[in-house]
C-alpha cells in the first residue's frame, strides 16, 4: 500500500441517525447553554474527552479500548471524533457531525481535531479528566493555543436536568425496581451471590430492550452482596453462598443511553437478629429524615450535618462510610460524577429545582460486633419548585425485605 493510500481522516456517515430519547431541541439546548458560557469566558471551542461530556453534548457513548475520542463544541455546533474501528456507529449515535480517524499514524487523532479547531486561540479542556500525555500532545499540535478549564462549567450545566432527562431517569428508576424484584425472588440460603446478580441484570436488560424502539444494551449491572461482603458499597459480586440470617445488599444499576439510575436496599435472608433489626431501623430513620430534607434552597453540607446528629445520638457516626447522596445523570461506575451536588460536609451547593439527587445513608458495623454488616437504603428524588418527588417506588425496612424464607 502506497503512502497516498493511507487516509488519515474520513467521514463514515454510514446509515441514518439512530433513535434517541432526546429531541433535537433538547440537544440544541445543551450546546447553546455551553456556547453562552464559552462566549462569556472568551473560549473559541471546547474539547470534551470524558465519557460523560461527550455523551451529554452529542449522545454518543464511546468504548475507549486504548484509543482517543472527543466531542468538539464550537460556535457552529458539535462534532464527534472517533476511531475507525467503530465504523459508522458514532455518526449514527451523535447529534452532530462526526469525523473518523484511522490507525495509519499515531497523530491521526490530532489531524481530525485540526479539521474542527482552525484558527482558535483559547481552547476549553477538561482538566479533571485530561492526562499529562494528552496535554503535552495538544501543546505540540496546537502550540499557539491557550488551554483553559471548562470541566467545572460543564458539570454545573449538567446538574440541572431537563424535562426530557427526567422522563428517562424515571424510566431508569422503574427498571431498577424490576431488577430489585428479581433479586428478591432469587435469594435463598445456598445460592451464590453471582446467580442472584445474573437474574437481576438479565431482568433489567430485557426490560430496557422492550422499552425503546432502539437502544444500545451496555453496562447495566447488579451488585449483590451478602454477609461480610456488605461492608463496602462498591464491593464486587463474588461466588460466596448466601447463608441463613445473612445481611444482604441489593444494588441494581440500569444504564440507558448513558444515564445511570440506582436502587439499593438492605435485606436479610430468612431471618434477622434483634441487633441487626435495631441498626436496620435506625438507618431507615436517617433515610426517611434525609428525604424530608431534600428541597430547593437546602445546602448539601447542612443536610449532611443534620443527619450526622442522628447517628451521633446513637453513637453510630463512627460507622458512617461516605456522603449521604449525589447527583444523577450521565455517569457510571467507571466514569462521570457531578461532584458539585454531593451531600457531604465540604459541599456548599444549594439544591435547585430540576436537580436529581439520591438519599443513601450507610453505616458499616465491623465483623465481630453485634449486628455486623453494611446497612444502606437508596432512593432517587427530583427537586421540585417546593419540595422533592421520590421516583423510587420500592419498599424498605419492612418484613417484605426479609427474603428467602422457607
Protein backbone atom coordinates (compact mmCIF):
# COMPACT_ATOMS: atom_id res chain seq x y z
CA UNK A 1 0.00 0.00 0.00
CA UNK A 2 1.49 3.35 -1.00
CA UNK A 3 1.69 6.38 1.24
CA UNK A 4 -1.01 8.13 -0.78
CA UNK A 5 -3.43 5.33 0.11
CA UNK A 6 -3.13 5.99 3.85
CA UNK A 7 -6.09 8.23 4.53
CA UNK A 8 -5.88 9.76 8.00
CA UNK A 9 -9.45 11.02 8.40
CA UNK A 10 -12.76 10.21 6.76
CA UNK A 11 -16.44 10.87 7.31
CA UNK A 12 -18.05 7.46 7.58
CA UNK A 13 -21.67 8.59 7.71
CA UNK A 14 -22.94 5.05 7.32
CA UNK A 15 -26.72 4.72 7.61
CA UNK A 16 -29.10 7.16 9.28
CA UNK A 17 -29.14 8.77 12.70
CA UNK A 18 -30.32 6.29 15.37
CA UNK A 19 -33.27 6.63 17.73
CA UNK A 20 -32.59 8.74 20.81
CA UNK A 21 -34.90 9.65 23.69
CA UNK A 22 -33.79 13.27 23.37
CA UNK A 23 -35.23 15.69 20.83
CA UNK A 24 -33.14 17.91 18.57
CA UNK A 25 -34.36 20.82 20.69
CA UNK A 26 -33.05 19.21 23.87
CA UNK A 27 -29.62 18.58 22.38
CA UNK A 28 -29.51 22.11 20.96
CA UNK A 29 -30.40 23.46 24.42
CA UNK A 30 -27.32 21.80 25.91
CA UNK A 31 -24.96 23.14 23.23
CA UNK A 32 -26.48 26.61 23.34
CA UNK A 33 -26.09 26.80 27.10
CA UNK A 34 -22.43 25.77 26.88
CA UNK A 35 -21.80 28.13 23.98
CA UNK A 36 -23.09 31.00 26.12
CA UNK A 37 -20.55 30.08 28.79
CA UNK A 38 -17.84 29.90 26.13
CA UNK A 39 -18.74 33.36 24.84
CA UNK A 40 -18.65 34.82 28.34
CA UNK A 41 -15.21 33.26 29.00
CA UNK A 42 -13.80 34.05 25.53
CA UNK A 43 -13.37 30.36 24.66
CA UNK A 44 -13.27 29.59 20.92
CA UNK A 45 -14.02 25.86 21.24
CA UNK A 46 -14.32 23.13 23.86
CA UNK A 47 -12.56 19.79 23.50
CA UNK A 48 -14.54 17.29 25.56
CA UNK A 49 -12.75 13.98 26.10
CA UNK A 50 -14.67 12.38 29.00
CA UNK A 51 -17.37 9.76 28.58
CA UNK A 52 -19.93 11.92 30.34
CA UNK A 53 -19.45 15.18 28.44
CA UNK A 54 -19.14 13.54 25.03
CA UNK A 55 -22.38 11.67 25.74
CA UNK A 56 -24.12 14.73 27.20
CA UNK A 57 -23.37 17.06 24.30
CA UNK A 58 -23.51 14.59 21.40
CA UNK A 59 -25.44 11.49 22.52
CA UNK A 60 -22.53 9.18 21.66
CA UNK A 61 -21.09 6.93 24.39
CA UNK A 62 -17.73 5.61 23.26
CA UNK A 63 -15.84 2.41 24.02
CA UNK A 64 -12.27 3.56 24.66
CA UNK A 65 -10.21 0.37 24.38
CA UNK A 66 -6.95 2.33 24.36
CA UNK A 67 -7.97 4.92 21.77
CA UNK A 68 -8.78 8.64 21.99
CA UNK A 69 -12.23 10.15 21.47
CA UNK A 70 -13.60 13.66 21.55
CA UNK A 71 -16.55 15.95 21.05
CA UNK A 72 -15.53 19.37 19.80
CA UNK A 73 -18.07 22.09 20.51
CA UNK A 74 -17.51 25.38 18.71
CA UNK A 75 -19.89 28.17 17.82
CA UNK A 76 -21.22 26.19 14.84
CA UNK A 77 -22.15 23.04 16.77
CA UNK A 78 -20.74 19.74 17.99
CA UNK A 79 -18.56 17.25 16.11
CA UNK A 80 -17.53 13.87 17.49
CA UNK A 81 -14.07 12.44 16.78
CA UNK A 82 -13.95 8.64 16.75
CA UNK A 83 -11.66 5.76 15.82
CA UNK A 84 -12.15 3.84 12.57
CA UNK A 85 -12.65 0.62 14.50
CA UNK A 86 -16.15 1.89 15.40
CA UNK A 87 -17.28 2.26 11.79
CA UNK A 88 -20.35 4.46 11.36
CA UNK A 89 -21.82 3.85 14.83
CA UNK A 90 -20.51 7.15 16.30
CA UNK A 91 -22.16 9.05 13.42
CA UNK A 92 -25.45 7.25 13.93
CA UNK A 93 -25.42 7.85 17.69
CA UNK A 94 -24.28 11.51 17.69
CA UNK A 95 -26.47 14.52 17.12
CA UNK A 96 -23.96 16.50 15.03
CA UNK A 97 -21.14 15.83 12.63
CA UNK A 98 -18.60 13.02 13.04
CA UNK A 99 -15.02 12.63 11.84
CA UNK A 100 -13.37 9.22 11.83
CA UNK A 101 -9.61 8.91 12.19
CA UNK A 102 -7.60 5.87 11.10
CA UNK A 103 -4.75 3.94 12.71
CA UNK A 104 -2.27 4.61 9.90
CA UNK A 105 -0.35 7.15 12.02
CA UNK A 106 -0.22 7.90 15.73
CA UNK A 107 -1.21 11.53 15.20
CA UNK A 108 -4.31 10.92 13.05
CA UNK A 109 -6.48 11.86 16.05
CA UNK A 110 -4.91 15.31 16.08
CA UNK A 111 -5.33 15.61 12.32
CA UNK A 112 -9.06 15.15 12.93
CA UNK A 113 -9.02 17.75 15.71
CA UNK A 114 -7.35 20.27 13.40
CA UNK A 115 -10.27 19.98 10.98
CA UNK A 116 -12.61 21.29 13.69
CA UNK A 117 -10.35 23.76 15.53
CA UNK A 118 -8.91 26.02 12.85
CA UNK A 119 -7.77 29.46 13.98
CA UNK A 120 -8.66 29.04 17.65
CA UNK A 121 -6.76 30.88 20.40
CA UNK A 122 -8.41 29.64 23.61
CA UNK A 123 -9.46 26.01 23.95
CA UNK A 124 -11.63 24.68 26.74
CA UNK A 125 -10.50 21.27 28.02
CA UNK A 126 -11.37 19.07 30.98
CA UNK A 127 -8.53 19.49 33.46
CA UNK A 128 -10.05 16.88 35.77
CA UNK A 129 -10.01 14.24 33.00
CA UNK A 130 -7.06 15.13 30.75
CA UNK A 131 -3.82 13.26 31.43
CA UNK A 132 -0.31 14.67 31.06
CA UNK A 133 0.27 12.79 27.81
CA UNK A 134 -2.72 14.40 26.09
CA UNK A 135 -1.82 17.82 27.46
CA UNK A 136 1.71 17.56 26.05
CA UNK A 137 0.42 16.41 22.66
CA UNK A 138 -2.09 19.26 22.48
CA UNK A 139 0.71 21.75 23.13
CA UNK A 140 2.74 20.07 20.40
CA UNK A 141 -0.03 20.11 17.78
CA UNK A 142 -1.57 23.45 18.82
CA UNK A 143 1.46 25.44 20.05
CA UNK A 144 -0.24 28.83 19.94
CA UNK A 145 -3.46 27.75 21.69
CA UNK A 146 -4.12 28.50 25.37
CA UNK A 147 -5.73 25.65 27.30
CA UNK A 148 -8.37 26.69 29.84
CA UNK A 149 -10.56 24.56 32.09
CA UNK A 150 -14.19 24.03 31.07
CA UNK A 151 -14.94 20.91 33.14
CA UNK A 152 -16.47 22.68 36.11
CA UNK A 153 -18.74 24.86 33.95
CA UNK A 154 -19.95 21.82 32.00
CA UNK A 155 -20.56 19.87 35.21
CA UNK A 156 -22.69 22.62 36.72
CA UNK A 157 -24.67 22.79 33.50
CA UNK A 158 -25.36 19.06 33.72
CA UNK A 159 -26.62 19.22 37.32
CA UNK A 160 -29.92 20.85 36.29
CA UNK A 161 -31.84 18.19 34.39
CA UNK A 162 -34.37 18.97 31.66
CA UNK A 163 -37.88 17.57 31.47
CA UNK A 164 -36.70 15.06 28.87
CA UNK A 165 -33.89 13.91 31.16
CA UNK A 166 -36.42 13.48 33.97
CA UNK A 167 -38.50 11.20 31.76
CA UNK A 168 -35.50 8.96 31.05
CA UNK A 169 -34.39 8.94 34.69
CA UNK A 170 -37.92 7.95 35.79
CA UNK A 171 -37.80 5.04 33.38
CA UNK A 172 -34.45 4.06 34.83
CA UNK A 173 -35.93 4.06 38.33
CA UNK A 174 -38.71 1.75 37.11
CA UNK A 175 -36.14 -0.61 35.61
CA UNK A 176 -34.26 -0.60 38.93
CA UNK A 177 -37.39 -1.96 40.59
CA UNK A 178 -37.58 -4.78 38.01
CA UNK A 179 -34.06 -5.77 38.96
CA UNK A 180 -34.85 -5.42 42.65
CA UNK A 181 -37.79 -7.79 42.44
CA UNK A 182 -35.63 -10.28 40.55
CA UNK A 183 -33.06 -10.16 43.36
CA UNK A 184 -35.71 -10.81 45.99
CA UNK A 185 -37.11 -13.74 44.04
CA UNK A 186 -33.69 -15.34 43.53
CA UNK A 187 -32.38 -15.17 47.09
CA UNK A 188 -32.31 -18.20 49.31
CA UNK A 189 -29.74 -19.88 51.53
CA UNK A 190 -27.19 -21.81 49.48
CA UNK A 191 -27.49 -19.68 46.33
CA UNK A 192 -24.25 -17.91 45.30
CA UNK A 193 -24.19 -14.13 45.01
CA UNK A 194 -23.39 -14.19 41.31
CA UNK A 195 -26.50 -16.20 40.44
CA UNK A 196 -28.68 -13.62 42.18
CA UNK A 197 -26.89 -10.83 40.32
CA UNK A 198 -27.30 -12.58 36.97
CA UNK A 199 -31.06 -12.93 37.49
CA UNK A 200 -31.36 -9.22 38.28
CA UNK A 201 -29.18 -7.96 35.44
CA UNK A 202 -30.90 -10.16 32.85
CA UNK A 203 -34.32 -8.93 34.00
CA UNK A 204 -33.25 -5.30 33.66
CA UNK A 205 -31.66 -5.79 30.23
CA UNK A 206 -34.85 -7.38 28.94
CA UNK A 207 -36.94 -4.55 30.40
CA UNK A 208 -34.75 -1.92 28.74
CA UNK A 209 -34.79 -3.77 25.42
CA UNK A 210 -38.58 -3.88 25.42
CA UNK A 211 -38.99 -0.22 26.37
CA UNK A 212 -37.42 1.62 23.41
CA UNK A 213 -37.61 1.31 19.59
CA UNK A 214 -33.81 1.10 19.52
CA UNK A 215 -31.35 1.08 22.40
CA UNK A 216 -27.74 0.05 22.95
CA UNK A 217 -27.66 -2.60 25.68
CA UNK A 218 -24.45 -1.96 27.54
CA UNK A 219 -23.13 -1.60 31.10
CA UNK A 220 -26.29 -2.49 33.07
CA UNK A 221 -25.14 -4.33 36.18
CA UNK A 222 -26.02 -5.58 39.67
CA UNK A 223 -24.00 -5.64 42.86
CA UNK A 224 -25.45 -8.18 45.26
CA UNK A 225 -23.51 -8.68 48.48
CA UNK A 226 -24.01 -10.93 51.49
CA UNK A 227 -22.58 -11.15 54.98
CA UNK A 228 -19.15 -9.54 55.36
CA UNK A 229 -19.21 -8.53 51.68
CA UNK A 230 -21.82 -5.86 52.54
CA UNK A 231 -19.20 -3.76 54.35
CA UNK A 232 -18.42 -1.74 51.19
CA UNK A 233 -20.97 -0.10 48.91
CA UNK A 234 -18.93 -0.91 45.78
CA UNK A 235 -17.76 -4.40 46.69
CA UNK A 236 -17.93 -6.68 43.63
CA UNK A 237 -20.15 -9.69 43.26
CA UNK A 238 -18.50 -12.94 44.35
CA UNK A 239 -19.35 -16.64 44.35
CA UNK A 240 -19.96 -16.64 48.11
CA UNK A 241 -23.01 -18.68 49.11
CA UNK A 242 -25.82 -16.84 50.86
CA UNK A 243 -26.41 -18.14 54.39
CA UNK A 244 -29.48 -18.16 56.64
CA UNK A 245 -29.59 -14.92 58.63
CA UNK A 246 -27.14 -13.10 56.34
CA UNK A 247 -27.44 -9.36 55.95
CA UNK A 248 -27.74 -8.61 52.22
CA UNK A 249 -27.21 -5.57 49.98
CA UNK A 250 -29.37 -5.22 46.86
CA UNK A 251 -27.90 -2.82 44.30
CA UNK A 252 -29.40 -2.58 40.79
CA UNK A 253 -27.97 -0.25 38.16
CA UNK A 254 -29.57 0.01 34.72
CA UNK A 255 -27.71 2.07 32.11
CA UNK A 256 -29.92 3.67 29.45
CA UNK A 257 -28.43 5.97 26.78
CA UNK A 258 -25.54 6.70 29.16
CA UNK A 259 -27.82 7.57 32.08
CA UNK A 260 -27.38 5.73 35.35
CA UNK A 261 -30.02 5.06 37.97
CA UNK A 262 -29.84 3.01 41.14
CA UNK A 263 -31.86 1.12 43.70
CA UNK A 264 -30.15 -0.01 46.90
CA UNK A 265 -31.72 -1.85 49.79
CA UNK A 266 -30.78 -3.74 52.94
CA UNK A 267 -32.31 -7.23 53.10
CA UNK A 268 -31.91 -10.33 55.23
CA UNK A 269 -32.02 -13.97 54.27
CA UNK A 270 -34.69 -15.88 56.16
CA UNK A 271 -34.47 -14.06 59.49
CA UNK A 272 -32.99 -11.01 61.20
CA UNK A 273 -31.43 -10.87 64.67
CA UNK A 274 -32.53 -8.31 67.23
CA UNK A 275 -29.21 -6.46 66.99
CA UNK A 276 -29.41 -6.31 63.20
CA UNK A 277 -33.04 -5.22 63.29
CA UNK A 278 -32.27 -2.33 65.68
CA UNK A 279 -29.49 -0.99 63.48
CA UNK A 280 -31.54 -1.52 60.34
CA UNK A 281 -34.45 0.51 61.64
CA UNK A 282 -32.16 3.31 62.85
CA UNK A 283 -30.56 3.59 59.44
CA UNK A 284 -34.02 3.62 57.86
CA UNK A 285 -34.97 6.50 60.18
CA UNK A 286 -31.99 8.50 58.90
CA UNK A 287 -33.08 7.67 55.36
CA UNK A 288 -36.61 8.98 55.95
CA UNK A 289 -35.33 12.16 57.59
CA UNK A 290 -32.83 12.71 54.80
CA UNK A 291 -35.51 12.52 52.13
CA UNK A 292 -37.53 15.14 54.04
CA UNK A 293 -34.53 17.48 53.92
CA UNK A 294 -34.19 17.36 50.12
CA UNK A 295 -35.85 20.52 48.83
CA UNK A 296 -34.93 23.69 46.93
CA UNK A 297 -32.82 26.08 48.97
CA UNK A 298 -31.27 23.36 51.13
CA UNK A 299 -27.48 23.24 51.23
CA UNK A 300 -25.70 19.95 50.67
CA UNK A 301 -23.39 20.39 53.67
CA UNK A 302 -26.22 21.37 56.02
CA UNK A 303 -28.17 18.23 55.11
CA UNK A 304 -25.12 16.12 55.94
CA UNK A 305 -24.56 17.94 59.23
CA UNK A 306 -28.14 17.46 60.37
CA UNK A 307 -28.14 13.75 59.56
CA UNK A 308 -24.83 13.35 61.36
CA UNK A 309 -26.58 14.38 64.56
CA UNK A 310 -28.99 11.45 64.31
CA UNK A 311 -26.13 8.98 64.04
CA UNK A 312 -24.24 10.78 66.83
CA UNK A 313 -27.15 10.38 69.25
CA UNK A 314 -26.97 6.59 68.76
CA UNK A 315 -23.14 6.55 68.83
CA UNK A 316 -23.17 5.34 65.23
CA UNK A 317 -21.48 8.27 63.48
CA UNK A 318 -18.12 6.46 63.66
CA UNK A 319 -19.62 3.76 61.42
CA UNK A 320 -20.70 6.09 58.60
CA UNK A 321 -18.58 5.48 55.49
CA UNK A 322 -19.41 8.10 52.80
CA UNK A 323 -21.68 11.03 51.91
CA UNK A 324 -25.47 10.90 52.08
CA UNK A 325 -26.23 11.14 48.36
CA UNK A 326 -25.26 12.51 44.96
CA UNK A 327 -26.49 13.85 41.66
CA UNK A 328 -27.75 11.65 38.83
CA UNK A 329 -27.33 11.90 35.07
CA UNK A 330 -24.65 10.78 32.62
CA UNK A 331 -22.45 8.69 34.89
CA UNK A 332 -21.48 5.11 35.57
CA UNK A 333 -19.28 3.04 37.88
CA UNK A 334 -16.26 3.86 35.74
CA UNK A 335 -16.95 7.38 34.51
CA UNK A 336 -18.62 10.63 35.44
CA UNK A 337 -19.58 12.33 38.67
CA UNK A 338 -21.28 15.64 39.30
CA UNK A 339 -19.26 16.41 42.40
CA UNK A 340 -20.89 19.82 42.86
CA UNK A 341 -24.05 18.07 44.09
CA UNK A 342 -22.92 15.59 46.73
CA UNK A 343 -24.43 15.55 50.20
CA UNK A 344 -21.17 15.99 52.09
CA UNK A 345 -19.86 18.36 54.72
CA UNK A 346 -17.46 20.01 52.25
CA UNK A 347 -20.02 20.76 49.51
CA UNK A 348 -21.95 24.03 49.90
CA UNK A 349 -24.09 23.81 46.75
CA UNK A 350 -27.71 24.91 47.15
CA UNK A 351 -30.27 22.47 45.75
CA UNK A 352 -32.34 23.83 42.86
CA UNK A 353 -35.47 22.68 41.02
CA UNK A 354 -34.58 20.23 38.27
CA UNK A 355 -31.71 18.60 40.13
CA UNK A 356 -31.92 14.84 40.66
CA UNK A 357 -30.39 13.66 43.93
CA UNK A 358 -30.18 10.41 45.87
CA UNK A 359 -30.58 9.87 49.58
CA UNK A 360 -28.44 6.90 50.61
CA UNK A 361 -27.28 6.77 54.24
CA UNK A 362 -24.95 3.91 55.11
CA UNK A 363 -23.33 2.59 58.25
CA UNK A 364 -20.93 -0.35 58.49
CA UNK A 365 -20.65 -2.36 61.70
CA UNK A 366 -17.33 -4.29 61.75
CA UNK A 367 -17.19 -8.06 61.80
CA UNK A 368 -17.33 -9.47 65.33
CA UNK A 369 -19.64 -6.78 66.69
CA UNK A 370 -23.36 -7.28 67.27
CA UNK A 371 -25.30 -6.54 64.10
CA UNK A 372 -22.19 -6.68 61.89
CA UNK A 373 -22.56 -5.70 58.24
CA UNK A 374 -23.35 -2.80 55.96
CA UNK A 375 -26.76 -1.07 56.02
CA UNK A 376 -27.78 1.15 53.12
CA UNK A 377 -31.01 2.42 51.63
CA UNK A 378 -31.15 4.44 48.41
CA UNK A 379 -33.93 6.45 46.76
CA UNK A 380 -33.81 8.94 43.87
CA UNK A 381 -35.63 12.26 44.21
CA UNK A 382 -36.29 15.06 41.71
CA UNK A 383 -36.07 18.51 43.30
CA UNK A 384 -39.26 20.44 42.50
CA UNK A 385 -40.28 24.08 42.99
CA UNK A 386 -41.49 23.44 46.53
CA UNK A 387 -40.03 20.10 47.64
CA UNK A 388 -38.91 16.83 46.10
CA UNK A 389 -40.58 13.93 44.32
CA UNK A 390 -39.43 10.43 45.17
CA UNK A 391 -39.35 8.45 41.92
CA UNK A 392 -38.16 5.23 43.58
CA UNK A 393 -41.16 3.00 44.10
CA UNK A 394 -39.78 0.21 46.24
CA UNK A 395 -40.29 -0.78 49.89
CA UNK A 396 -37.56 -0.63 52.51
CA UNK A 397 -37.13 -1.61 56.12
CA UNK A 398 -40.19 -3.86 56.25
CA UNK A 399 -40.91 -7.53 56.63
CA UNK A 400 -41.03 -7.68 52.84
CA UNK A 401 -37.25 -7.16 52.85
CA UNK A 402 -36.68 -10.42 54.75
CA UNK A 403 -36.39 -12.77 51.78
CA UNK A 404 -35.67 -16.41 51.03
CA UNK A 405 -37.90 -17.71 53.80
CA UNK A 406 -38.70 -21.38 53.64
